[in-house]
PDB file of N, CA and C in Angstrom:
ATOM      1  N   UNK A   1       0.845  -1.186   0.000  1.00  0.00           N
ATOM      2  CA  UNK A   1       0.000   0.000   0.000  1.00  0.00           C
ATOM      3  C   UNK A   1       0.887   1.244   0.000  1.00  0.00           C
ATOM      4  N   UNK A   2       0.625   2.184  -0.919  1.00  0.00           N
ATOM      5  CA  UNK A   2       1.456   3.389  -0.973  1.00  0.00           C
ATOM      6  C   UNK A   2       1.252   4.264   0.255  1.00  0.00           C
ATOM      7  N   UNK A   3       2.315   4.970   0.604  1.00  0.00           N
ATOM      8  CA  UNK A   3       2.248   5.855   1.761  1.00  0.00           C
ATOM      9  C   UNK A   3       1.381   7.078   1.427  1.00  0.00           C
ATOM     10  N   UNK A   4       0.548   7.430   2.370  1.00  0.00           N
ATOM     11  CA  UNK A   4      -0.296   8.610   2.210  1.00  0.00           C
ATOM     12  C   UNK A   4       0.507   9.819   2.657  1.00  0.00           C
ATOM     13  N   UNK A   5       0.725  10.730   1.737  1.00  0.00           N
ATOM     14  CA  UNK A   5       1.572  11.885   2.021  1.00  0.00           C
ATOM     15  C   UNK A   5       0.805  13.191   2.126  1.00  0.00           C
ATOM     16  N   UNK A   6      -0.417  13.205   1.617  1.00  0.00           N
ATOM     17  CA  UNK A   6      -1.236  14.422   1.697  1.00  0.00           C
ATOM     18  C   UNK A   6      -2.690  14.029   1.877  1.00  0.00           C
ATOM     19  N   UNK A   7      -3.456  14.940   2.424  1.00  0.00           N
ATOM     20  CA  UNK A   7      -4.843  14.604   2.746  1.00  0.00           C
ATOM     21  C   UNK A   7      -5.641  14.219   1.511  1.00  0.00           C
ATOM     22  N   UNK A   8      -5.268  14.735   0.361  1.00  0.00           N
ATOM     23  CA  UNK A   8      -5.982  14.413  -0.867  1.00  0.00           C
ATOM     24  C   UNK A   8      -5.892  12.931  -1.230  1.00  0.00           C
ATOM     25  N   UNK A   9      -4.923  12.233  -0.659  1.00  0.00           N
ATOM     26  CA  UNK A   9      -4.756  10.799  -0.908  1.00  0.00           C
ATOM     27  C   UNK A   9      -5.735   9.945  -0.108  1.00  0.00           C
ATOM     28  N   UNK A  10      -6.345  10.524   0.911  1.00  0.00           N
ATOM     29  CA  UNK A  10      -7.254   9.774   1.779  1.00  0.00           C
ATOM     30  C   UNK A  10      -8.584   9.511   1.080  1.00  0.00           C
ATOM     31  N   UNK A  11      -9.004   8.254   1.067  1.00  0.00           N
ATOM     32  CA  UNK A  11     -10.293   7.907   0.470  1.00  0.00           C
ATOM     33  C   UNK A  11     -11.438   8.623   1.172  1.00  0.00           C
ATOM     34  N   UNK A  12     -11.322   8.779   2.484  1.00  0.00           N
ATOM     35  CA  UNK A  12     -12.393   9.458   3.226  1.00  0.00           C
ATOM     36  C   UNK A  12     -12.524  10.914   2.767  1.00  0.00           C
ATOM     37  N   UNK A  13     -11.415  11.583   2.531  1.00  0.00           N
ATOM     38  CA  UNK A  13     -11.470  12.967   2.056  1.00  0.00           C
ATOM     39  C   UNK A  13     -12.045  13.023   0.637  1.00  0.00           C
ATOM     40  N   UNK A  14     -11.634  12.093  -0.204  1.00  0.00           N
ATOM     41  CA  UNK A  14     -12.140  12.050  -1.580  1.00  0.00           C
ATOM     42  C   UNK A  14     -13.660  11.852  -1.596  1.00  0.00           C
ATOM     43  N   UNK A  15     -14.141  10.956  -0.746  1.00  0.00           N
ATOM     44  CA  UNK A  15     -15.584  10.705  -0.667  1.00  0.00           C
ATOM     45  C   UNK A  15     -16.299  11.925  -0.081  1.00  0.00           C
ATOM     46  N   UNK A  16     -15.691  12.560   0.915  1.00  0.00           N
ATOM     47  CA  UNK A  16     -16.277  13.765   1.510  1.00  0.00           C
ATOM     48  C   UNK A  16     -16.364  14.887   0.479  1.00  0.00           C
ATOM     49  N   UNK A  17     -15.400  14.968  -0.377  1.00  0.00           N
ATOM     50  CA  UNK A  17     -15.431  15.964  -1.448  1.00  0.00           C
ATOM     51  C   UNK A  17     -16.597  15.696  -2.384  1.00  0.00           C
ATOM     52  N   UNK A  18     -16.816  14.442  -2.724  1.00  0.00           N
ATOM     53  CA  UNK A  18     -17.966  14.074  -3.558  1.00  0.00           C
ATOM     54  C   UNK A  18     -19.275  14.450  -2.869  1.00  0.00           C
ATOM     55  N   UNK A  19     -19.335  14.197  -1.553  1.00  0.00           N
ATOM     56  CA  UNK A  19     -20.526  14.550  -0.786  1.00  0.00           C
ATOM     57  C   UNK A  19     -20.774  16.055  -0.835  1.00  0.00           C
ATOM     58  N   UNK A  20     -19.741  16.836  -0.607  1.00  0.00           N
ATOM     59  CA  UNK A  20     -19.888  18.294  -0.617  1.00  0.00           C
ATOM     60  C   UNK A  20     -20.371  18.781  -1.980  1.00  0.00           C
ATOM     61  N   UNK A  21     -19.806  18.236  -3.036  1.00  0.00           N
ATOM     62  CA  UNK A  21     -20.238  18.646  -4.372  1.00  0.00           C
ATOM     63  C   UNK A  21     -21.671  18.221  -4.656  1.00  0.00           C
ATOM     64  N   UNK A  22     -22.069  17.063  -4.174  1.00  0.00           N
ATOM     65  CA  UNK A  22     -23.448  16.604  -4.310  1.00  0.00           C
ATOM     66  C   UNK A  22     -24.398  17.577  -3.605  1.00  0.00           C
ATOM     67  N   UNK A  23     -24.050  17.973  -2.388  1.00  0.00           N
ATOM     68  CA  UNK A  23     -24.874  18.906  -1.624  1.00  0.00           C
ATOM     69  C   UNK A  23     -24.962  20.253  -2.342  1.00  0.00           C
ATOM     70  N   UNK A  24     -23.860  20.732  -2.857  1.00  0.00           N
ATOM     71  CA  UNK A  24     -23.894  22.003  -3.582  1.00  0.00           C
ATOM     72  C   UNK A  24     -24.800  21.909  -4.807  1.00  0.00           C
ATOM     73  N   UNK A  25     -24.735  20.781  -5.501  1.00  0.00           N
ATOM     74  CA  UNK A  25     -25.596  20.596  -6.667  1.00  0.00           C
ATOM     75  C   UNK A  25     -27.074  20.600  -6.263  1.00  0.00           C
ATOM     76  N   UNK A  26     -27.396  19.893  -5.191  1.00  0.00           N
ATOM     77  CA  UNK A  26     -28.791  19.857  -4.724  1.00  0.00           C
ATOM     78  C   UNK A  26     -29.285  21.235  -4.301  1.00  0.00           C
ATOM     79  N   UNK A  27     -28.427  21.991  -3.647  1.00  0.00           N
ATOM     80  CA  UNK A  27     -28.858  23.283  -3.100  1.00  0.00           C
ATOM     81  C   UNK A  27     -28.905  24.388  -4.147  1.00  0.00           C
ATOM     82  N   UNK A  28     -28.497  24.097  -5.365  1.00  0.00           N
ATOM     83  CA  UNK A  28     -28.639  25.070  -6.452  1.00  0.00           C
ATOM     84  C   UNK A  28     -30.047  25.058  -7.041  1.00  0.00           C
ATOM     85  N   UNK A  29     -30.816  24.021  -6.743  1.00  0.00           N
ATOM     86  CA  UNK A  29     -32.181  23.932  -7.263  1.00  0.00           C
ATOM     87  C   UNK A  29     -33.000  25.097  -6.716  1.00  0.00           C
ATOM     88  N   UNK A  30     -33.898  25.615  -7.526  1.00  0.00           N
ATOM     89  CA  UNK A  30     -34.537  26.899  -7.242  1.00  0.00           C
ATOM     90  C   UNK A  30     -35.160  27.029  -5.859  1.00  0.00           C
ATOM     91  N   UNK A  31     -36.030  26.109  -5.464  1.00  0.00           N
ATOM     92  CA  UNK A  31     -36.680  26.251  -4.150  1.00  0.00           C
ATOM     93  C   UNK A  31     -35.656  26.114  -3.026  1.00  0.00           C
ATOM     94  N   UNK A  32     -34.747  25.164  -3.144  1.00  0.00           N
ATOM     95  CA  UNK A  32     -33.731  24.952  -2.116  1.00  0.00           C
ATOM     96  C   UNK A  32     -32.808  26.170  -2.038  1.00  0.00           C
ATOM     97  N   UNK A  33     -32.441  26.698  -3.174  1.00  0.00           N
ATOM     98  CA  UNK A  33     -31.524  27.838  -3.219  1.00  0.00           C
ATOM     99  C   UNK A  33     -32.087  29.061  -2.512  1.00  0.00           C
ATOM    100  N   UNK A  34     -33.415  29.162  -2.465  1.00  0.00           N
ATOM    101  CA  UNK A  34     -34.053  30.325  -1.843  1.00  0.00           C
ATOM    102  C   UNK A  34     -34.204  30.197  -0.332  1.00  0.00           C
ATOM    103  N   UNK A  35     -34.043  28.983   0.183  1.00  0.00           N
ATOM    104  CA  UNK A  35     -34.088  28.780   1.646  1.00  0.00           C
ATOM    105  C   UNK A  35     -32.660  28.975   2.153  1.00  0.00           C
ATOM    106  N   UNK A  36     -32.288  30.213   2.316  1.00  0.00           N
ATOM    107  CA  UNK A  36     -30.904  30.558   2.609  1.00  0.00           C
ATOM    108  C   UNK A  36     -30.375  29.871   3.868  1.00  0.00           C
ATOM    109  N   UNK A  37     -31.204  29.805   4.882  1.00  0.00           N
ATOM    110  CA  UNK A  37     -30.753  29.228   6.152  1.00  0.00           C
ATOM    111  C   UNK A  37     -30.420  27.748   6.011  1.00  0.00           C
ATOM    112  N   UNK A  38     -31.345  26.964   5.468  1.00  0.00           N
ATOM    113  CA  UNK A  38     -31.083  25.532   5.308  1.00  0.00           C
ATOM    114  C   UNK A  38     -29.988  25.293   4.280  1.00  0.00           C
ATOM    115  N   UNK A  39     -30.033  26.036   3.193  1.00  0.00           N
ATOM    116  CA  UNK A  39     -29.004  25.893   2.159  1.00  0.00           C
ATOM    117  C   UNK A  39     -27.605  26.112   2.738  1.00  0.00           C
ATOM    118  N   UNK A  40     -27.446  27.203   3.474  1.00  0.00           N
ATOM    119  CA  UNK A  40     -26.135  27.509   4.033  1.00  0.00           C
ATOM    120  C   UNK A  40     -25.728  26.495   5.100  1.00  0.00           C
ATOM    121  N   UNK A  41     -26.688  26.047   5.895  1.00  0.00           N
ATOM    122  CA  UNK A  41     -26.391  25.090   6.965  1.00  0.00           C
ATOM    123  C   UNK A  41     -25.904  23.754   6.400  1.00  0.00           C
ATOM    124  N   UNK A  42     -26.585  23.234   5.403  1.00  0.00           N
ATOM    125  CA  UNK A  42     -26.194  21.943   4.847  1.00  0.00           C
ATOM    126  C   UNK A  42     -24.893  22.056   4.063  1.00  0.00           C
ATOM    127  N   UNK A  43     -24.690  23.182   3.400  1.00  0.00           N
ATOM    128  CA  UNK A  43     -23.411  23.399   2.703  1.00  0.00           C
ATOM    129  C   UNK A  43     -22.261  23.472   3.705  1.00  0.00           C
ATOM    130  N   UNK A  44     -22.475  24.193   4.792  1.00  0.00           N
ATOM    131  CA  UNK A  44     -21.433  24.290   5.820  1.00  0.00           C
ATOM    132  C   UNK A  44     -21.106  22.921   6.405  1.00  0.00           C
ATOM    133  N   UNK A  45     -22.136  22.126   6.678  1.00  0.00           N
ATOM    134  CA  UNK A  45     -21.918  20.795   7.250  1.00  0.00           C
ATOM    135  C   UNK A  45     -21.161  19.900   6.272  1.00  0.00           C
ATOM    136  N   UNK A  46     -21.550  19.945   5.001  1.00  0.00           N
ATOM    137  CA  UNK A  46     -20.881  19.123   3.996  1.00  0.00           C
ATOM    138  C   UNK A  46     -19.420  19.547   3.826  1.00  0.00           C
ATOM    139  N   UNK A  47     -19.177  20.839   3.812  1.00  0.00           N
ATOM    140  CA  UNK A  47     -17.799  21.320   3.728  1.00  0.00           C
ATOM    141  C   UNK A  47     -16.999  20.947   4.953  1.00  0.00           C
ATOM    142  N   UNK A  48     -17.646  20.965   6.096  1.00  0.00           N
ATOM    143  CA  UNK A  48     -16.981  20.622   7.353  1.00  0.00           C
ATOM    144  C   UNK A  48     -16.437  19.201   7.339  1.00  0.00           C
ATOM    145  N   UNK A  49     -17.121  18.299   6.660  1.00  0.00           N
ATOM    146  CA  UNK A  49     -16.655  16.913   6.607  1.00  0.00           C
ATOM    147  C   UNK A  49     -15.268  16.880   5.970  1.00  0.00           C
ATOM    148  N   UNK A  50     -15.145  17.413   4.779  1.00  0.00           N
ATOM    149  CA  UNK A  50     -13.856  17.347   4.083  1.00  0.00           C
ATOM    150  C   UNK A  50     -12.805  18.232   4.740  1.00  0.00           C
ATOM    151  N   UNK A  51     -13.214  19.379   5.254  1.00  0.00           N
ATOM    152  CA  UNK A  51     -12.241  20.297   5.850  1.00  0.00           C
ATOM    153  C   UNK A  51     -11.647  19.737   7.146  1.00  0.00           C
ATOM    154  N   UNK A  52     -12.475  19.082   7.939  1.00  0.00           N
ATOM    155  CA  UNK A  52     -11.969  18.515   9.189  1.00  0.00           C
ATOM    156  C   UNK A  52     -11.064  17.310   8.943  1.00  0.00           C
ATOM    157  N   UNK A  53     -11.325  16.551   7.908  1.00  0.00           N
ATOM    158  CA  UNK A  53     -10.405  15.466   7.552  1.00  0.00           C
ATOM    159  C   UNK A  53      -9.055  16.061   7.172  1.00  0.00           C
ATOM    160  N   UNK A  54      -9.071  17.091   6.341  1.00  0.00           N
ATOM    161  CA  UNK A  54      -7.827  17.739   5.923  1.00  0.00           C
ATOM    162  C   UNK A  54      -7.092  18.355   7.110  1.00  0.00           C
ATOM    163  N   UNK A  55      -7.825  19.069   7.936  1.00  0.00           N
ATOM    164  CA  UNK A  55      -7.201  19.726   9.094  1.00  0.00           C
ATOM    165  C   UNK A  55      -6.627  18.696  10.061  1.00  0.00           C
ATOM    166  N   UNK A  56      -7.358  17.626  10.278  1.00  0.00           N
ATOM    167  CA  UNK A  56      -6.870  16.580  11.168  1.00  0.00           C
ATOM    168  C   UNK A  56      -5.627  15.898  10.638  1.00  0.00           C
ATOM    169  N   UNK A  57      -5.564  15.706   9.337  1.00  0.00           N
ATOM    170  CA  UNK A  57      -4.404  15.061   8.721  1.00  0.00           C
ATOM    171  C   UNK A  57      -3.125  15.824   9.054  1.00  0.00           C
ATOM    172  N   UNK A  58      -3.214  17.133   9.082  1.00  0.00           N
ATOM    173  CA  UNK A  58      -2.045  17.964   9.362  1.00  0.00           C
ATOM    174  C   UNK A  58      -1.971  18.443  10.809  1.00  0.00           C
ATOM    175  N   UNK A  59      -2.707  17.798  11.698  1.00  0.00           N
ATOM    176  CA  UNK A  59      -2.758  18.261  13.086  1.00  0.00           C
ATOM    177  C   UNK A  59      -1.510  17.917  13.886  1.00  0.00           C
ATOM    178  N   UNK A  60      -0.757  16.941  13.437  1.00  0.00           N
ATOM    179  CA  UNK A  60       0.508  16.647  14.109  1.00  0.00           C
ATOM    180  C   UNK A  60       0.507  15.415  14.986  1.00  0.00           C
ATOM    181  N   UNK A  61      -0.626  15.018  15.517  1.00  0.00           N
ATOM    182  CA  UNK A  61      -0.666  13.817  16.353  1.00  0.00           C
ATOM    183  C   UNK A  61      -1.847  12.939  15.944  1.00  0.00           C
ATOM    184  N   UNK A  62      -1.714  11.663  16.233  1.00  0.00           N
ATOM    185  CA  UNK A  62      -2.811  10.737  15.932  1.00  0.00           C
ATOM    186  C   UNK A  62      -4.058  11.077  16.751  1.00  0.00           C
ATOM    187  N   UNK A  63      -3.846  11.434  18.011  1.00  0.00           N
ATOM    188  CA  UNK A  63      -4.991  11.767  18.870  1.00  0.00           C
ATOM    189  C   UNK A  63      -5.762  12.968  18.321  1.00  0.00           C
ATOM    190  N   UNK A  64      -5.043  13.971  17.853  1.00  0.00           N
ATOM    191  CA  UNK A  64      -5.707  15.148  17.277  1.00  0.00           C
ATOM    192  C   UNK A  64      -6.403  14.785  15.976  1.00  0.00           C
ATOM    193  N   UNK A  65      -5.759  13.932  15.172  1.00  0.00           N
ATOM    194  CA  UNK A  65      -6.373  13.505  13.919  1.00  0.00           C
ATOM    195  C   UNK A  65      -7.696  12.788  14.215  1.00  0.00           C
ATOM    196  N   UNK A  66      -7.698  11.915  15.195  1.00  0.00           N
ATOM    197  CA  UNK A  66      -8.923  11.209  15.581  1.00  0.00           C
ATOM    198  C   UNK A  66      -9.997  12.203  16.009  1.00  0.00           C
ATOM    199  N   UNK A  67      -9.601  13.210  16.770  1.00  0.00           N
ATOM    200  CA  UNK A  67     -10.567  14.217  17.218  1.00  0.00           C
ATOM    201  C   UNK A  67     -11.213  14.919  16.023  1.00  0.00           C
ATOM    202  N   UNK A  68     -10.413  15.303  15.048  1.00  0.00           N
ATOM    203  CA  UNK A  68     -10.945  15.967  13.862  1.00  0.00           C
ATOM    204  C   UNK A  68     -11.801  15.014  13.033  1.00  0.00           C
ATOM    205  N   UNK A  69     -11.421  13.753  12.965  1.00  0.00           N
ATOM    206  CA  UNK A  69     -12.219  12.771  12.229  1.00  0.00           C
ATOM    207  C   UNK A  69     -13.595  12.593  12.866  1.00  0.00           C
ATOM    208  N   UNK A  70     -13.642  12.641  14.191  1.00  0.00           N
ATOM    209  CA  UNK A  70     -14.932  12.530  14.880  1.00  0.00           C
ATOM    210  C   UNK A  70     -15.823  13.729  14.554  1.00  0.00           C
ATOM    211  N   UNK A  71     -15.225  14.900  14.457  1.00  0.00           N
ATOM    212  CA  UNK A  71     -15.991  16.094  14.076  1.00  0.00           C
ATOM    213  C   UNK A  71     -16.505  15.926  12.651  1.00  0.00           C
ATOM    214  N   UNK A  72     -15.657  15.427  11.764  1.00  0.00           N
ATOM    215  CA  UNK A  72     -16.057  15.198  10.376  1.00  0.00           C
ATOM    216  C   UNK A  72     -17.225  14.212  10.312  1.00  0.00           C
ATOM    217  N   UNK A  73     -17.143  13.159  11.098  1.00  0.00           N
ATOM    218  CA  UNK A  73     -18.210  12.147  11.122  1.00  0.00           C
ATOM    219  C   UNK A  73     -19.527  12.762  11.595  1.00  0.00           C
ATOM    220  N   UNK A  74     -19.457  13.588  12.629  1.00  0.00           N
ATOM    221  CA  UNK A  74     -20.670  14.248  13.126  1.00  0.00           C
ATOM    222  C   UNK A  74     -21.256  15.183  12.068  1.00  0.00           C
ATOM    223  N   UNK A  75     -20.401  15.858  11.338  1.00  0.00           N
ATOM    224  CA  UNK A  75     -20.882  16.746  10.279  1.00  0.00           C
ATOM    225  C   UNK A  75     -21.577  15.955   9.174  1.00  0.00           C
ATOM    226  N   UNK A  76     -21.073  14.776   8.868  1.00  0.00           N
ATOM    227  CA  UNK A  76     -21.734  13.929   7.868  1.00  0.00           C
ATOM    228  C   UNK A  76     -23.121  13.514   8.357  1.00  0.00           C
ATOM    229  N   UNK A  77     -23.243  13.233   9.644  1.00  0.00           N
ATOM    230  CA  UNK A  77     -24.557  12.914  10.210  1.00  0.00           C
ATOM    231  C   UNK A  77     -25.481  14.119  10.140  1.00  0.00           C
ATOM    232  N   UNK A  78     -24.936  15.303  10.359  1.00  0.00           N
ATOM    233  CA  UNK A  78     -25.729  16.523  10.256  1.00  0.00           C
ATOM    234  C   UNK A  78     -26.267  16.684   8.836  1.00  0.00           C
ATOM    235  N   UNK A  79     -25.427  16.421   7.846  1.00  0.00           N
ATOM    236  CA  UNK A  79     -25.880  16.482   6.455  1.00  0.00           C
ATOM    237  C   UNK A  79     -27.053  15.526   6.254  1.00  0.00           C
ATOM    238  N   UNK A  80     -26.937  14.319   6.773  1.00  0.00           N
ATOM    239  CA  UNK A  80     -28.007  13.340   6.613  1.00  0.00           C
ATOM    240  C   UNK A  80     -29.317  13.832   7.230  1.00  0.00           C
ATOM    241  N   UNK A  81     -29.237  14.417   8.398  1.00  0.00           N
ATOM    242  CA  UNK A  81     -30.435  14.940   9.046  1.00  0.00           C
ATOM    243  C   UNK A  81     -31.043  16.085   8.246  1.00  0.00           C
ATOM    244  N   UNK A  82     -30.210  16.976   7.757  1.00  0.00           N
ATOM    245  CA  UNK A  82     -30.693  18.115   6.985  1.00  0.00           C
ATOM    246  C   UNK A  82     -31.299  17.683   5.659  1.00  0.00           C
ATOM    247  N   UNK A  83     -30.828  16.580   5.105  1.00  0.00           N
ATOM    248  CA  UNK A  83     -31.424  16.052   3.881  1.00  0.00           C
ATOM    249  C   UNK A  83     -32.893  15.699   4.102  1.00  0.00           C
ATOM    250  N   UNK A  84     -33.203  15.171   5.273  1.00  0.00           N
ATOM    251  CA  UNK A  84     -34.604  14.851   5.578  1.00  0.00           C
ATOM    252  C   UNK A  84     -35.457  16.110   5.622  1.00  0.00           C
ATOM    253  N   UNK A  85     -34.916  17.171   6.183  1.00  0.00           N
ATOM    254  CA  UNK A  85     -35.658  18.427   6.216  1.00  0.00           C
ATOM    255  C   UNK A  85     -35.883  18.942   4.798  1.00  0.00           C
ATOM    256  N   UNK A  86     -34.857  18.825   3.966  1.00  0.00           N
ATOM    257  CA  UNK A  86     -35.007  19.238   2.565  1.00  0.00           C
ATOM    258  C   UNK A  86     -36.068  18.398   1.857  1.00  0.00           C
ATOM    259  N   UNK A  87     -36.108  17.114   2.156  1.00  0.00           N
ATOM    260  CA  UNK A  87     -37.142  16.245   1.588  1.00  0.00           C
ATOM    261  C   UNK A  87     -38.524  16.669   2.080  1.00  0.00           C
ATOM    262  N   UNK A  88     -38.643  16.895   3.374  1.00  0.00           N
ATOM    263  CA  UNK A  88     -39.925  17.291   3.962  1.00  0.00           C
ATOM    264  C   UNK A  88     -40.446  18.605   3.369  1.00  0.00           C
ATOM    265  N   UNK A  89     -39.519  19.485   3.016  1.00  0.00           N
ATOM    266  CA  UNK A  89     -39.908  20.771   2.419  1.00  0.00           C
ATOM    267  C   UNK A  89     -40.078  20.663   0.903  1.00  0.00           C
ATOM    268  N   UNK A  90     -39.891  19.460   0.381  1.00  0.00           N
ATOM    269  CA  UNK A  90     -40.036  19.172  -1.053  1.00  0.00           C
ATOM    270  C   UNK A  90     -38.996  19.892  -1.914  1.00  0.00           C
ATOM    271  N   UNK A  91     -37.813  20.118  -1.318  1.00  0.00           N
ATOM    272  CA  UNK A  91     -36.713  20.710  -2.078  1.00  0.00           C
ATOM    273  C   UNK A  91     -35.978  19.645  -2.881  1.00  0.00           C
ATOM    274  N   UNK A  92     -36.006  18.394  -2.406  1.00  0.00           N
ATOM    275  CA  UNK A  92     -35.351  17.281  -3.082  1.00  0.00           C
ATOM    276  C   UNK A  92     -36.318  16.093  -3.121  1.00  0.00           C
ATOM    277  N   UNK A  93     -36.014  15.175  -4.001  1.00  0.00           N
ATOM    278  CA  UNK A  93     -36.830  13.963  -4.111  1.00  0.00           C
ATOM    279  C   UNK A  93     -36.263  12.876  -3.193  1.00  0.00           C
ATOM    280  N   UNK A  94     -37.043  11.828  -3.002  1.00  0.00           N
ATOM    281  CA  UNK A  94     -36.574  10.691  -2.204  1.00  0.00           C
ATOM    282  C   UNK A  94     -35.335  10.061  -2.836  1.00  0.00           C
ATOM    283  N   UNK A  95     -35.271  10.033  -4.147  1.00  0.00           N
ATOM    284  CA  UNK A  95     -34.108   9.473  -4.840  1.00  0.00           C
ATOM    285  C   UNK A  95     -32.864  10.324  -4.602  1.00  0.00           C
ATOM    286  N   UNK A  96     -33.029  11.627  -4.633  1.00  0.00           N
ATOM    287  CA  UNK A  96     -31.903  12.526  -4.360  1.00  0.00           C
ATOM    288  C   UNK A  96     -31.435  12.379  -2.921  1.00  0.00           C
ATOM    289  N   UNK A  97     -32.387  12.270  -2.009  1.00  0.00           N
ATOM    290  CA  UNK A  97     -32.031  12.051  -0.605  1.00  0.00           C
ATOM    291  C   UNK A  97     -31.214  10.778  -0.467  1.00  0.00           C
ATOM    292  N   UNK A  98     -31.686   9.689  -1.070  1.00  0.00           N
ATOM    293  CA  UNK A  98     -30.995   8.415  -0.944  1.00  0.00           C
ATOM    294  C   UNK A  98     -29.571   8.489  -1.482  1.00  0.00           C
ATOM    295  N   UNK A  99     -29.396   9.097  -2.640  1.00  0.00           N
ATOM    296  CA  UNK A  99     -28.057   9.199  -3.228  1.00  0.00           C
ATOM    297  C   UNK A  99     -27.105   9.982  -2.322  1.00  0.00           C
ATOM    298  N   UNK A 100     -27.552  11.125  -1.833  1.00  0.00           N
ATOM    299  CA  UNK A 100     -26.702  11.943  -0.959  1.00  0.00           C
ATOM    300  C   UNK A 100     -26.502  11.271   0.394  1.00  0.00           C
ATOM    301  N   UNK A 101     -27.568  10.677   0.924  1.00  0.00           N
ATOM    302  CA  UNK A 101     -27.492   9.993   2.218  1.00  0.00           C
ATOM    303  C   UNK A 101     -26.490   8.838   2.142  1.00  0.00           C
ATOM    304  N   UNK A 102     -26.551   8.085   1.046  1.00  0.00           N
ATOM    305  CA  UNK A 102     -25.622   6.960   0.876  1.00  0.00           C
ATOM    306  C   UNK A 102     -24.175   7.433   0.767  1.00  0.00           C
ATOM    307  N   UNK A 103     -23.950   8.561   0.112  1.00  0.00           N
ATOM    308  CA  UNK A 103     -22.600   9.132   0.047  1.00  0.00           C
ATOM    309  C   UNK A 103     -22.107   9.490   1.445  1.00  0.00           C
ATOM    310  N   UNK A 104     -22.971  10.081   2.242  1.00  0.00           N
ATOM    311  CA  UNK A 104     -22.605  10.437   3.613  1.00  0.00           C
ATOM    312  C   UNK A 104     -22.317   9.184   4.438  1.00  0.00           C
ATOM    313  N   UNK A 105     -23.127   8.146   4.248  1.00  0.00           N
ATOM    314  CA  UNK A 105     -22.908   6.888   4.976  1.00  0.00           C
ATOM    315  C   UNK A 105     -21.565   6.275   4.601  1.00  0.00           C
ATOM    316  N   UNK A 106     -21.259   6.267   3.322  1.00  0.00           N
ATOM    317  CA  UNK A 106     -19.972   5.719   2.867  1.00  0.00           C
ATOM    318  C   UNK A 106     -18.808   6.553   3.400  1.00  0.00           C
ATOM    319  N   UNK A 107     -18.991   7.853   3.431  1.00  0.00           N
ATOM    320  CA  UNK A 107     -17.959   8.733   3.990  1.00  0.00           C
ATOM    321  C   UNK A 107     -17.724   8.407   5.460  1.00  0.00           C
ATOM    322  N   UNK A 108     -18.805   8.237   6.210  1.00  0.00           N
ATOM    323  CA  UNK A 108     -18.677   7.899   7.636  1.00  0.00           C
ATOM    324  C   UNK A 108     -18.014   6.534   7.825  1.00  0.00           C
ATOM    325  N   UNK A 109     -18.305   5.588   6.946  1.00  0.00           N
ATOM    326  CA  UNK A 109     -17.679   4.268   7.031  1.00  0.00           C
ATOM    327  C   UNK A 109     -16.161   4.392   6.849  1.00  0.00           C
ATOM    328  N   UNK A 110     -15.748   5.191   5.883  1.00  0.00           N
ATOM    329  CA  UNK A 110     -14.319   5.401   5.646  1.00  0.00           C
ATOM    330  C   UNK A 110     -13.667   6.143   6.819  1.00  0.00           C
ATOM    331  N   UNK A 111     -14.365   7.119   7.356  1.00  0.00           N
ATOM    332  CA  UNK A 111     -13.852   7.844   8.527  1.00  0.00           C
ATOM    333  C   UNK A 111     -13.705   6.887   9.704  1.00  0.00           C
ATOM    334  N   UNK A 112     -14.704   6.046   9.931  1.00  0.00           N
ATOM    335  CA  UNK A 112     -14.629   5.074  11.022  1.00  0.00           C
ATOM    336  C   UNK A 112     -13.442   4.139  10.850  1.00  0.00           C
ATOM    337  N   UNK A 113     -13.184   3.733   9.626  1.00  0.00           N
ATOM    338  CA  UNK A 113     -12.031   2.879   9.357  1.00  0.00           C
ATOM    339  C   UNK A 113     -10.720   3.579   9.683  1.00  0.00           C
ATOM    340  N   UNK A 114     -10.638   4.839   9.341  1.00  0.00           N
ATOM    341  CA  UNK A 114      -9.426   5.614   9.637  1.00  0.00           C
ATOM    342  C   UNK A 114      -9.261   5.796  11.143  1.00  0.00           C
ATOM    343  N   UNK A 115     -10.346   6.041  11.847  1.00  0.00           N
ATOM    344  CA  UNK A 115     -10.286   6.169  13.308  1.00  0.00           C
ATOM    345  C   UNK A 115      -9.792   4.863  13.920  1.00  0.00           C
ATOM    346  N   UNK A 116     -10.333   3.747  13.484  1.00  0.00           N
ATOM    347  CA  UNK A 116      -9.919   2.447  14.009  1.00  0.00           C
ATOM    348  C   UNK A 116      -8.438   2.196  13.751  1.00  0.00           C
ATOM    349  N   UNK A 117      -7.993   2.535  12.540  1.00  0.00           N
ATOM    350  CA  UNK A 117      -6.583   2.356  12.194  1.00  0.00           C
ATOM    351  C   UNK A 117      -5.688   3.213  13.087  1.00  0.00           C
ATOM    352  N   UNK A 118      -6.053   4.461  13.260  1.00  0.00           N
ATOM    353  CA  UNK A 118      -5.233   5.371  14.066  1.00  0.00           C
ATOM    354  C   UNK A 118      -5.205   4.957  15.530  1.00  0.00           C
ATOM    355  N   UNK A 119      -6.312   4.485  16.034  1.00  0.00           N
ATOM    356  CA  UNK A 119      -6.369   4.048  17.439  1.00  0.00           C
ATOM    357  C   UNK A 119      -5.441   2.860  17.677  1.00  0.00           C
ATOM    358  N   UNK A 120      -5.311   1.980  16.701  1.00  0.00           N
ATOM    359  CA  UNK A 120      -4.402   0.829  16.831  1.00  0.00           C
ATOM    360  C   UNK A 120      -2.950   1.294  16.890  1.00  0.00           C
ATOM    361  N   UNK A 121      -2.676   2.436  16.276  1.00  0.00           N
ATOM    362  CA  UNK A 121      -1.317   2.968  16.236  1.00  0.00           C
ATOM    363  C   UNK A 121      -0.948   3.768  17.495  1.00  0.00           C
ATOM    364  N   UNK A 122      -1.943   4.056  18.326  1.00  0.00           N
ATOM    365  CA  UNK A 122      -1.699   4.901  19.502  1.00  0.00           C
ATOM    366  C   UNK A 122      -1.230   4.088  20.693  1.00  0.00           C
TER     367      UNK A 122
END
């Protein structure tokens, strides 16, 4: 397995980036785009997933990296919850919710794997 030298090499960050772009695409839709509060909240949460993975990668210690990964995981859960609100407000379809929700779930699975790996190294 090649050595990971930058956060962009992490599968969890790559998946989080896909999630963030998915959320941005969904929130560009007309009704969703006009709900500034929910739009901004879900965008912030989606960005937080990838940003916290990146920040944790460069934090300097495994314990700090784990802490940032936990924040990223919580942000992915926040995205999932906000997707339901968007569905309830009819900003997105059930199919769109499922696609984005599944991306968030996969991101959390990868984050959990990284946390488990780092904990073994501590």
